[in-house]
Amino acid sequence: MKKLKNKHAFVTGGSRGIGAGIALRLAREGANVTITYQHSAQAAEQQAQLLRDSGARALALRADSNDPQAVRAAVQQAVQHLGTIDILVNNAGIAFYDDFMQLSLEQFELIVGVNIRSVFVASQAVLEQMQAGGRIIHIGSCQANRIPHPGGSLYAMTKSALAGLTKGMARDLGPRKITVNIVHPGPVDTDMNPANGPMAAGQIDLMALDRFGSVEDIAALVAYLAGAESGYVTGAEFTIDGGTNC
């Protein structure tokens, strides 16, 4: 039985990596899915076709997460296409690492715009029509709480901010019977951080399970939080990092 049958999901950054895995899992659970992307229309459309092949109605929309108007427009298009949004997954994000004194104001503004402001904008836009029983899930990082190496100050800052936003939103939206939670992945095997990449060995040394996670690992947890079984879970942080000890 498909647990998300007749639900409508909106996944930012859903054309690649963790976002693509989440979108596919939600589609296989019965949800119709809209994904956003920034760069490759071809890759996004291929991902949307995978979702359709799973039986979902699917739409791929170009939206720069650093552009609030583009984010709001994508939500509005999704509502027009699907009729409503029941599940919002704020997955889109960027990361860069440098010594703190080498970071620029432009880098600060960019990472805050993509990793924090876009979550705020997308959430407000979706909440204009989201009904009771809605689910909002932010994708954070295990680095919100632990930094294993130098250079990650801005990235960690943005993911820590999302944890605080999650708890505040959960309080505000509880009376509407809408839950808000955050998932903190550890190292996950994607094109941005491959399990056979040059930085992999140092990350694996920090893990209890001695391996990278898969996008399916993260997607399974998100699917649980998107479904009816998680109805009493809100304002919570879920770390899924293979026991990473930073």
C-alpha atoms as a PDB file:
ATOM      1  CA  MET A   1       0.000   0.000   0.000  1.00  0.00           C
ATOM      2  CA  LYS A   2       1.364   3.379  -1.009  1.00  0.00           C
ATOM      3  CA  LYS A   3       1.480   5.517   2.121  1.00  0.00           C
ATOM      4  CA  LEU A   4       1.486   8.869   0.317  1.00  0.00           C
ATOM      5  CA  LYS A   5      -1.202   8.166  -2.255  1.00  0.00           C
ATOM      6  CA  ASN A   6      -2.945  11.370  -3.423  1.00  0.00           C
ATOM      7  CA  LYS A   7      -0.430  13.566  -1.595  1.00  0.00           C
ATOM      8  CA  HIS A   8       1.417  16.342  -3.398  1.00  0.00           C
ATOM      9  CA  ALA A   9       5.082  17.024  -2.628  1.00  0.00           C
ATOM     10  CA  PHE A  10       7.394  19.913  -3.478  1.00  0.00           C
ATOM     11  CA  VAL A  11      11.129  19.153  -3.289  1.00  0.00           C
ATOM     12  CA  THR A  12      13.617  21.965  -3.802  1.00  0.00           C
ATOM     13  CA  GLY A  13      16.839  20.956  -5.510  1.00  0.00           C
ATOM     14  CA  GLY A  14      15.214  17.690  -6.491  1.00  0.00           C
ATOM     15  CA  SER A  15      17.006  17.007  -9.763  1.00  0.00           C
ATOM     16  CA  ARG A  16      20.222  15.545  -8.316  1.00  0.00           C
ATOM     17  CA  GLY A  17      21.830  14.021  -5.263  1.00  0.00           C
ATOM     18  CA  ILE A  18      19.883  13.699  -2.032  1.00  0.00           C
ATOM     19  CA  GLY A  19      16.972  15.726  -3.416  1.00  0.00           C
ATOM     20  CA  ALA A  20      16.570  13.390  -6.378  1.00  0.00           C
ATOM     21  CA  GLY A  21      16.578  10.371  -4.074  1.00  0.00           C
ATOM     22  CA  ILE A  22      13.937  11.955  -1.858  1.00  0.00           C
ATOM     23  CA  ALA A  23      11.736  12.878  -4.805  1.00  0.00           C
ATOM     24  CA  LEU A  24      11.906   9.338  -6.181  1.00  0.00           C
ATOM     25  CA  ARG A  25      11.082   7.730  -2.839  1.00  0.00           C
ATOM     26  CA  LEU A  26       8.082  10.026  -2.330  1.00  0.00           C
ATOM     27  CA  ALA A  27       6.855   9.200  -5.835  1.00  0.00           C
ATOM     28  CA  ARG A  28       7.201   5.467  -5.183  1.00  0.00           C
ATOM     29  CA  GLU A  29       5.166   5.954  -2.003  1.00  0.00           C
ATOM     30  CA  GLY A  30       2.360   7.388  -4.147  1.00  0.00           C
ATOM     31  CA  ALA A  31       2.935  11.145  -4.015  1.00  0.00           C
ATOM     32  CA  ASN A  32       2.828  13.477  -6.976  1.00  0.00           C
ATOM     33  CA  VAL A  33       6.041  15.494  -6.989  1.00  0.00           C
ATOM     34  CA  THR A  34       7.295  18.864  -8.180  1.00  0.00           C
ATOM     35  CA  ILE A  35      11.053  19.360  -8.166  1.00  0.00           C
ATOM     36  CA  THR A  36      13.051  22.551  -8.609  1.00  0.00           C
ATOM     37  CA  TYR A  37      16.427  22.876 -10.272  1.00  0.00           C
ATOM     38  CA  GLN A  38      18.787  25.664 -11.247  1.00  0.00           C
ATOM     39  CA  HIS A  39      21.137  24.568 -14.004  1.00  0.00           C
ATOM     40  CA  SER A  40      20.445  21.537 -16.202  1.00  0.00           C
ATOM     41  CA  ALA A  41      16.949  21.404 -17.676  1.00  0.00           C
ATOM     42  CA  GLN A  42      17.799  18.112 -19.371  1.00  0.00           C
ATOM     43  CA  ALA A  43      18.846  16.412 -16.140  1.00  0.00           C
ATOM     44  CA  ALA A  44      15.799  17.783 -14.340  1.00  0.00           C
ATOM     45  CA  GLU A  45      13.450  16.525 -17.024  1.00  0.00           C
ATOM     46  CA  GLN A  46      15.095  13.101 -16.932  1.00  0.00           C
ATOM     47  CA  GLN A  47      14.506  13.014 -13.185  1.00  0.00           C
ATOM     48  CA  ALA A  48      10.887  14.090 -13.669  1.00  0.00           C
ATOM     49  CA  GLN A  49      10.432  11.248 -16.151  1.00  0.00           C
ATOM     50  CA  LEU A  50      11.734   8.775 -13.562  1.00  0.00           C
ATOM     51  CA  LEU A  51       9.061  10.061 -11.206  1.00  0.00           C
ATOM     52  CA  ARG A  52       6.392   9.627 -13.887  1.00  0.00           C
ATOM     53  CA  ASP A  53       7.647   6.107 -14.556  1.00  0.00           C
ATOM     54  CA  SER A  54       6.917   5.446 -10.866  1.00  0.00           C
ATOM     55  CA  GLY A  55       3.307   6.438 -11.449  1.00  0.00           C
ATOM     56  CA  ALA A  56       3.491  10.020 -10.200  1.00  0.00           C
ATOM     57  CA  ARG A  57       2.418  13.236 -11.773  1.00  0.00           C
ATOM     58  CA  ALA A  58       5.675  15.153 -11.899  1.00  0.00           C
ATOM     59  CA  LEU A  59       6.862  18.619 -12.814  1.00  0.00           C
ATOM     60  CA  ALA A  60      10.374  20.093 -13.006  1.00  0.00           C
ATOM     61  CA  LEU A  61      10.630  23.859 -12.522  1.00  0.00           C
ATOM     62  CA  ARG A  62      13.691  26.045 -12.901  1.00  0.00           C
ATOM     63  CA  ALA A  63      14.120  28.222  -9.815  1.00  0.00           C
ATOM     64  CA  ASP A  64      17.270  29.844  -8.468  1.00  0.00           C
ATOM     65  CA  SER A  65      17.052  29.325  -4.713  1.00  0.00           C
ATOM     66  CA  ASN A  66      18.921  32.592  -4.201  1.00  0.00           C
ATOM     67  CA  ASP A  67      16.069  34.472  -5.910  1.00  0.00           C
ATOM     68  CA  PRO A  68      13.034  34.851  -3.612  1.00  0.00           C
ATOM     69  CA  GLN A  69      10.725  35.765  -6.486  1.00  0.00           C
ATOM     70  CA  ALA A  70      11.743  32.652  -8.414  1.00  0.00           C
ATOM     71  CA  VAL A  71      11.121  30.453  -5.373  1.00  0.00           C
ATOM     72  CA  ARG A  72       7.657  31.913  -4.804  1.00  0.00           C
ATOM     73  CA  ALA A  73       6.800  31.618  -8.499  1.00  0.00           C
ATOM     74  CA  ALA A  74       7.786  27.936  -8.508  1.00  0.00           C
ATOM     75  CA  VAL A  75       5.523  27.235  -5.526  1.00  0.00           C
ATOM     76  CA  GLN A  76       2.647  29.010  -7.244  1.00  0.00           C
ATOM     77  CA  GLN A  77       3.200  26.988 -10.439  1.00  0.00           C
ATOM     78  CA  ALA A  78       3.237  23.762  -8.446  1.00  0.00           C
ATOM     79  CA  VAL A  79      -0.040  24.644  -6.740  1.00  0.00           C
ATOM     80  CA  GLN A  80      -1.600  25.434 -10.100  1.00  0.00           C
ATOM     81  CA  HIS A  81      -0.368  22.095 -11.456  1.00  0.00           C
ATOM     82  CA  LEU A  82      -1.137  19.872  -8.460  1.00  0.00           C
ATOM     83  CA  GLY A  83      -3.943  21.790  -6.768  1.00  0.00           C
ATOM     84  CA  THR A  84      -2.218  21.837  -3.394  1.00  0.00           C
ATOM     85  CA  ILE A  85       1.060  21.012  -1.636  1.00  0.00           C
ATOM     86  CA  ASP A  86       0.893  18.604   1.286  1.00  0.00           C
ATOM     87  CA  ILE A  87       4.622  17.943   1.725  1.00  0.00           C
ATOM     88  CA  LEU A  88       7.434  20.477   1.446  1.00  0.00           C
ATOM     89  CA  VAL A  89      11.032  19.262   1.478  1.00  0.00           C
ATOM     90  CA  ASN A  90      13.500  22.146   1.686  1.00  0.00           C
ATOM     91  CA  ASN A  91      16.516  20.359   0.294  1.00  0.00           C
ATOM     92  CA  ALA A  92      18.297  22.866  -1.974  1.00  0.00           C
ATOM     93  CA  GLY A  93      21.578  24.075  -0.558  1.00  0.00           C
ATOM     94  CA  ILE A  94      25.170  24.975  -1.297  1.00  0.00           C
ATOM     95  CA  ALA A  95      28.443  24.500   0.547  1.00  0.00           C
ATOM     96  CA  PHE A  96      31.910  25.911   0.313  1.00  0.00           C
ATOM     97  CA  TYR A  97      34.849  25.727   2.682  1.00  0.00           C
ATOM     98  CA  ASP A  98      37.578  28.238   3.372  1.00  0.00           C
ATOM     99  CA  ASP A  99      39.526  29.727   6.233  1.00  0.00           C
ATOM    100  CA  PHE A 100      37.285  32.134   8.110  1.00  0.00           C
ATOM    101  CA  MET A 101      39.451  35.172   7.358  1.00  0.00           C
ATOM    102  CA  GLN A 102      39.379  34.370   3.643  1.00  0.00           C
ATOM    103  CA  LEU A 103      35.595  34.281   3.377  1.00  0.00           C
ATOM    104  CA  SER A 104      33.970  37.209   1.592  1.00  0.00           C
ATOM    105  CA  LEU A 105      30.773  39.093   2.264  1.00  0.00           C
ATOM    106  CA  GLU A 106      29.524  37.892  -1.127  1.00  0.00           C
ATOM    107  CA  GLN A 107      30.021  34.281  -0.029  1.00  0.00           C
ATOM    108  CA  PHE A 108      28.223  34.993   3.235  1.00  0.00           C
ATOM    109  CA  GLU A 109      25.244  36.535   1.465  1.00  0.00           C
ATOM    110  CA  LEU A 110      25.063  33.748  -1.109  1.00  0.00           C
ATOM    111  CA  ILE A 111      25.087  30.858   1.345  1.00  0.00           C
ATOM    112  CA  VAL A 112      22.592  32.588   3.637  1.00  0.00           C
ATOM    113  CA  GLY A 113      20.360  33.321   0.645  1.00  0.00           C
ATOM    114  CA  VAL A 114      20.315  29.734  -0.601  1.00  0.00           C
ATOM    115  CA  ASN A 115      20.513  27.758   2.635  1.00  0.00           C
ATOM    116  CA  ILE A 116      18.314  29.898   4.912  1.00  0.00           C
ATOM    117  CA  ARG A 117      16.338  32.580   3.086  1.00  0.00           C
ATOM    118  CA  SER A 118      15.051  30.187   0.415  1.00  0.00           C
ATOM    119  CA  VAL A 119      13.718  27.896   3.156  1.00  0.00           C
ATOM    120  CA  PHE A 120      11.909  30.827   4.764  1.00  0.00           C
ATOM    121  CA  VAL A 121      10.461  31.971   1.431  1.00  0.00           C
ATOM    122  CA  ALA A 122       9.393  28.524   0.222  1.00  0.00           C
ATOM    123  CA  SER A 123       7.829  27.659   3.568  1.00  0.00           C
ATOM    124  CA  GLN A 124       5.791  30.866   3.733  1.00  0.00           C
ATOM    125  CA  ALA A 125       4.649  30.442   0.132  1.00  0.00           C
ATOM    126  CA  VAL A 126       3.560  26.836   0.691  1.00  0.00           C
ATOM    127  CA  LEU A 127       1.879  27.632   4.001  1.00  0.00           C
ATOM    128  CA  GLU A 128      -0.456  30.075   2.299  1.00  0.00           C
ATOM    129  CA  GLN A 129      -2.432  27.033   1.144  1.00  0.00           C
ATOM    130  CA  MET A 130      -1.162  24.009   3.149  1.00  0.00           C
ATOM    131  CA  GLN A 131      -3.909  22.249   5.068  1.00  0.00           C
ATOM    132  CA  ALA A 132      -3.983  20.365   8.376  1.00  0.00           C
ATOM    133  CA  GLY A 133      -1.834  17.264   8.209  1.00  0.00           C
ATOM    134  CA  GLY A 134       0.812  19.021   6.135  1.00  0.00           C
ATOM    135  CA  ARG A 135       4.473  18.136   6.494  1.00  0.00           C
ATOM    136  CA  ILE A 136       7.503  20.425   6.229  1.00  0.00           C
ATOM    137  CA  ILE A 137      10.931  18.783   6.272  1.00  0.00           C
ATOM    138  CA  HIS A 138      14.193  20.707   6.163  1.00  0.00           C
ATOM    139  CA  ILE A 139      17.444  19.050   5.105  1.00  0.00           C
ATOM    140  CA  GLY A 140      20.222  20.149   7.429  1.00  0.00           C
ATOM    141  CA  SER A 141      23.607  18.577   8.107  1.00  0.00           C
ATOM    142  CA  CYS A 142      25.413  16.774  10.903  1.00  0.00           C
ATOM    143  CA  GLN A 143      27.751  19.766  10.755  1.00  0.00           C
ATOM    144  CA  ALA A 144      25.019  21.862  12.355  1.00  0.00           C
ATOM    145  CA  ASN A 145      26.352  20.521  15.645  1.00  0.00           C
ATOM    146  CA  ARG A 146      29.864  19.226  14.956  1.00  0.00           C
ATOM    147  CA  ILE A 147      32.651  20.496  12.698  1.00  0.00           C
ATOM    148  CA  PRO A 148      35.307  17.858  11.910  1.00  0.00           C
ATOM    149  CA  HIS A 149      37.680  20.062   9.936  1.00  0.00           C
ATOM    150  CA  PRO A 150      38.574  23.712   9.363  1.00  0.00           C
ATOM    151  CA  GLY A 151      36.805  25.915   6.844  1.00  0.00           C
ATOM    152  CA  GLY A 152      33.173  25.012   7.482  1.00  0.00           C
ATOM    153  CA  SER A 153      32.044  27.961   9.571  1.00  0.00           C
ATOM    154  CA  LEU A 154      29.507  29.467   7.160  1.00  0.00           C
ATOM    155  CA  TYR A 155      28.022  26.129   6.131  1.00  0.00           C
ATOM    156  CA  ALA A 156      27.661  25.041   9.752  1.00  0.00           C
ATOM    157  CA  MET A 157      26.104  28.386  10.630  1.00  0.00           C
ATOM    158  CA  THR A 158      23.373  28.008   8.026  1.00  0.00           C
ATOM    159  CA  LYS A 159      22.490  24.465   9.044  1.00  0.00           C
ATOM    160  CA  SER A 160      22.406  25.418  12.727  1.00  0.00           C
ATOM    161  CA  ALA A 161      20.056  28.247  11.814  1.00  0.00           C
ATOM    162  CA  LEU A 162      17.727  25.767  10.123  1.00  0.00           C
ATOM    163  CA  ALA A 163      17.566  23.738  13.329  1.00  0.00           C
ATOM    164  CA  GLY A 164      16.392  26.794  15.243  1.00  0.00           C
ATOM    165  CA  LEU A 165      13.950  27.708  12.495  1.00  0.00           C
ATOM    166  CA  THR A 166      12.528  24.187  12.647  1.00  0.00           C
ATOM    167  CA  LYS A 167      11.743  24.441  16.343  1.00  0.00           C
ATOM    168  CA  GLY A 168      10.155  27.874  16.025  1.00  0.00           C
ATOM    169  CA  MET A 169       8.044  26.889  13.027  1.00  0.00           C
ATOM    170  CA  ALA A 170       6.864  23.743  14.792  1.00  0.00           C
ATOM    171  CA  ARG A 171       5.553  25.855  17.671  1.00  0.00           C
ATOM    172  CA  ASP A 172       3.819  28.321  15.371  1.00  0.00           C
ATOM    173  CA  LEU A 173       2.268  25.680  13.106  1.00  0.00           C
ATOM    174  CA  GLY A 174       1.225  23.165  15.748  1.00  0.00           C
ATOM    175  CA  PRO A 175      -2.253  24.696  16.069  1.00  0.00           C
ATOM    176  CA  ARG A 176      -2.681  24.169  12.317  1.00  0.00           C
ATOM    177  CA  LYS A 177      -1.770  20.446  12.700  1.00  0.00           C
ATOM    178  CA  ILE A 178       1.266  20.915  10.439  1.00  0.00           C
ATOM    179  CA  THR A 179       4.527  19.293  11.509  1.00  0.00           C
ATOM    180  CA  VAL A 180       8.018  20.655  10.916  1.00  0.00           C
ATOM    181  CA  ASN A 181      11.177  18.573  11.323  1.00  0.00           C
ATOM    182  CA  ILE A 182      14.786  18.591  10.174  1.00  0.00           C
ATOM    183  CA  VAL A 183      17.001  15.767   8.908  1.00  0.00           C
ATOM    184  CA  HIS A 184      20.780  16.064   9.405  1.00  0.00           C
ATOM    185  CA  PRO A 185      22.623  13.816   6.947  1.00  0.00           C
ATOM    186  CA  GLY A 186      26.244  12.895   7.360  1.00  0.00           C
ATOM    187  CA  PRO A 187      28.484  12.046   4.385  1.00  0.00           C
ATOM    188  CA  VAL A 188      26.292  10.726   1.574  1.00  0.00           C
ATOM    189  CA  ASP A 189      27.515   9.270  -1.704  1.00  0.00           C
ATOM    190  CA  THR A 190      26.543  11.842  -4.338  1.00  0.00           C
ATOM    191  CA  ASP A 191      28.267  13.576  -7.236  1.00  0.00           C
ATOM    192  CA  MET A 192      29.081  16.467  -4.876  1.00  0.00           C
ATOM    193  CA  ASN A 193      30.738  14.199  -2.285  1.00  0.00           C
ATOM    194  CA  PRO A 194      31.452  10.780  -3.825  1.00  0.00           C
ATOM    195  CA  ALA A 195      32.299   7.831  -1.619  1.00  0.00           C
ATOM    196  CA  ASN A 196      35.443   7.262  -3.727  1.00  0.00           C
ATOM    197  CA  GLY A 197      36.437  10.931  -3.826  1.00  0.00           C
ATOM    198  CA  PRO A 198      39.673  12.475  -2.522  1.00  0.00           C
ATOM    199  CA  MET A 199      38.052  13.557   0.768  1.00  0.00           C
ATOM    200  CA  ALA A 200      36.260  10.274   1.447  1.00  0.00           C
ATOM    201  CA  ALA A 201      38.864   8.451   3.512  1.00  0.00           C
ATOM    202  CA  GLY A 202      39.083  11.199   6.114  1.00  0.00           C
ATOM    203  CA  GLN A 203      35.316  11.247   6.480  1.00  0.00           C
ATOM    204  CA  ILE A 204      35.041   7.474   6.788  1.00  0.00           C
ATOM    205  CA  ASP A 205      37.615   7.524   9.584  1.00  0.00           C
ATOM    206  CA  LEU A 206      35.098   9.506  11.654  1.00  0.00           C
ATOM    207  CA  MET A 207      32.224   7.033  11.210  1.00  0.00           C
ATOM    208  CA  ALA A 208      31.073   4.168  13.401  1.00  0.00           C
ATOM    209  CA  LEU A 209      29.626   2.338  10.400  1.00  0.00           C
ATOM    210  CA  ASP A 210      32.720   2.820   8.259  1.00  0.00           C
ATOM    211  CA  ARG A 211      30.849   3.765   5.084  1.00  0.00           C
ATOM    212  CA  PHE A 212      29.122   6.637   3.330  1.00  0.00           C
ATOM    213  CA  GLY A 213      25.354   6.809   3.441  1.00  0.00           C
ATOM    214  CA  SER A 214      23.210   6.470   0.334  1.00  0.00           C
ATOM    215  CA  VAL A 215      20.542   8.830  -0.922  1.00  0.00           C
ATOM    216  CA  GLU A 216      18.091   6.002  -0.240  1.00  0.00           C
ATOM    217  CA  ASP A 217      19.051   6.060   3.452  1.00  0.00           C
ATOM    218  CA  ILE A 218      18.098   9.731   3.708  1.00  0.00           C
ATOM    219  CA  ALA A 219      15.009   9.349   1.536  1.00  0.00           C
ATOM    220  CA  ALA A 220      13.622   6.584   3.744  1.00  0.00           C
ATOM    221  CA  LEU A 221      13.709   8.840   6.802  1.00  0.00           C
ATOM    222  CA  VAL A 222      12.148  11.724   4.893  1.00  0.00           C
ATOM    223  CA  ALA A 223       9.379   9.429   3.637  1.00  0.00           C
ATOM    224  CA  TYR A 224       8.593   8.455   7.232  1.00  0.00           C
ATOM    225  CA  LEU A 225       8.394  12.105   8.289  1.00  0.00           C
ATOM    226  CA  ALA A 226       6.172  12.843   5.287  1.00  0.00           C
ATOM    227  CA  GLY A 227       3.651  10.163   6.187  1.00  0.00           C
ATOM    228  CA  ALA A 228       0.811   9.665   8.626  1.00  0.00           C
ATOM    229  CA  GLU A 229       2.900   7.546  11.020  1.00  0.00           C
ATOM    230  CA  SER A 230       4.939  10.611  12.030  1.00  0.00           C
ATOM    231  CA  GLY A 231       1.892  12.671  13.030  1.00  0.00           C
ATOM    232  CA  TYR A 232       3.113  13.100  16.633  1.00  0.00           C
ATOM    233  CA  VAL A 233       6.641  14.137  15.615  1.00  0.00           C
ATOM    234  CA  THR A 234       7.391  17.845  15.256  1.00  0.00           C
ATOM    235  CA  GLY A 235      10.179  20.261  16.088  1.00  0.00           C
ATOM    236  CA  ALA A 236      12.616  17.342  16.045  1.00  0.00           C
ATOM    237  CA  GLU A 237      16.145  16.921  14.721  1.00  0.00           C
ATOM    238  CA  PHE A 238      17.067  13.570  13.140  1.00  0.00           C
ATOM    239  CA  THR A 239      20.764  12.878  12.635  1.00  0.00           C
ATOM    240  CA  ILE A 240      21.482  10.163  10.076  1.00  0.00           C
ATOM    241  CA  ASP A 241      25.256  10.045   9.696  1.00  0.00           C
ATOM    242  CA  GLY A 242      26.489   6.520  10.342  1.00  0.00           C
ATOM    243  CA  GLY A 243      27.628   7.454  13.811  1.00  0.00           C
ATOM    244  CA  THR A 244      29.942  10.218  12.622  1.00  0.00           C
ATOM    245  CA  ASN A 245      32.034  11.509  15.518  1.00  0.00           C
ATOM    246  CA  CYS A 246      33.133  14.989  14.603  1.00  0.00           C
END
